[in-house]
Amino acid sequence: MLMKKIQYQLELSFWNITIQALSENKLAQRVYRDAYHMRQEPKVFQDWLAVGLTGLAGFISGMGIFFLMAIAK
């Protein structure tokens, strides 16, 4: 029971510090603002989604080729 209470308080402290740090961070504020505006414009959101999925596909393909080359040695 005591461990649960300590764990709960540690988790609350972590999130309080994290949320405060992110709230004061200018980069995080800009990312949140841009993400909100991007979500409001469906065309922009679709374009970024396509870019992200293309990058992810390239990354997965590259990792697959890397592992195939590593196995072939």
Protein backbone atom coordinates (compact mmCIF):
# COMPACT_ATOMS: atom_id res chain seq x y z
CA MET A 1 0.00 0.00 0.00
CA LEU A 2 2.82 2.39 0.88
CA MET A 3 4.66 1.59 -2.36
CA LYS A 4 1.51 2.35 -4.36
CA LYS A 5 1.18 5.73 -2.66
CA ILE A 6 4.84 6.56 -3.32
CA GLN A 7 4.53 5.45 -6.93
CA TYR A 8 1.41 7.57 -7.35
CA GLN A 9 3.11 10.64 -5.89
CA LEU A 10 6.21 10.12 -8.07
CA GLU A 11 4.06 9.83 -11.16
CA LEU A 12 2.13 13.00 -10.29
CA SER A 13 5.38 14.86 -9.63
CA PHE A 14 6.83 13.70 -12.95
CA TRP A 15 3.80 14.85 -14.92
CA ASN A 16 3.60 18.17 -13.06
CA ILE A 17 7.24 18.90 -13.93
CA THR A 18 6.86 17.68 -17.51
CA ILE A 19 3.70 19.66 -18.21
CA GLN A 20 5.19 22.79 -16.66
CA ALA A 21 8.40 22.43 -18.71
CA LEU A 22 6.49 21.86 -21.94
CA SER A 23 4.16 24.79 -21.23
CA GLU A 24 7.11 27.16 -20.91
CA ASN A 25 9.06 25.78 -23.88
CA LYS A 26 8.76 28.04 -26.94
CA LEU A 27 9.48 25.20 -29.37
CA ALA A 28 6.76 23.02 -27.82
CA GLN A 29 4.29 25.91 -27.97
CA ARG A 30 5.09 26.44 -31.65
CA VAL A 31 4.72 22.72 -32.42
CA TYR A 32 1.34 22.58 -30.64
CA ARG A 33 0.11 25.72 -32.42
CA ASP A 34 1.27 24.50 -35.84
CA ALA A 35 -0.20 21.03 -35.26
CA TYR A 36 -3.54 22.58 -34.29
CA HIS A 37 -3.59 24.79 -37.39
CA MET A 38 -2.50 21.90 -39.58
CA ARG A 39 -5.35 19.79 -38.25
CA GLN A 40 -7.82 22.57 -39.12
CA GLU A 41 -6.70 22.52 -42.78
CA PRO A 42 -7.50 19.03 -44.19
CA LYS A 43 -5.34 19.50 -47.30
CA VAL A 44 -2.26 20.46 -45.28
CA PHE A 45 -2.90 17.55 -42.91
CA GLN A 46 -3.17 15.12 -45.84
CA ASP A 47 0.06 16.45 -47.35
CA TRP A 48 1.98 16.03 -44.08
CA LEU A 49 0.46 12.61 -43.56
CA ALA A 50 1.64 11.55 -47.03
CA VAL A 51 5.14 12.89 -46.32
CA GLY A 52 5.25 11.08 -42.96
CA LEU A 53 4.03 7.78 -44.37
CA THR A 54 6.50 7.99 -47.26
CA GLY A 55 9.33 8.63 -44.83
CA LEU A 56 8.20 5.76 -42.62
CA ALA A 57 8.02 3.42 -45.62
CA GLY A 58 11.55 4.44 -46.63
CA PHE A 59 12.84 3.89 -43.11
CA ILE A 60 11.24 0.44 -42.88
CA SER A 61 12.59 -0.52 -46.30
CA GLY A 62 16.07 0.66 -45.34
CA MET A 63 16.00 -1.32 -42.12
CA GLY A 64 14.82 -4.40 -44.02
CA ILE A 65 17.66 -4.09 -46.51
CA PHE A 66 20.14 -3.53 -43.68
CA PHE A 67 19.01 -6.68 -41.89
CA LEU A 68 19.04 -8.71 -45.10
CA MET A 69 22.59 -7.58 -45.79
CA ALA A 70 23.59 -8.40 -42.21
CA ILE A 71 22.10 -11.89 -42.50
CA ALA A 72 23.76 -12.48 -45.90
CA LYS A 73 27.26 -11.99 -44.49
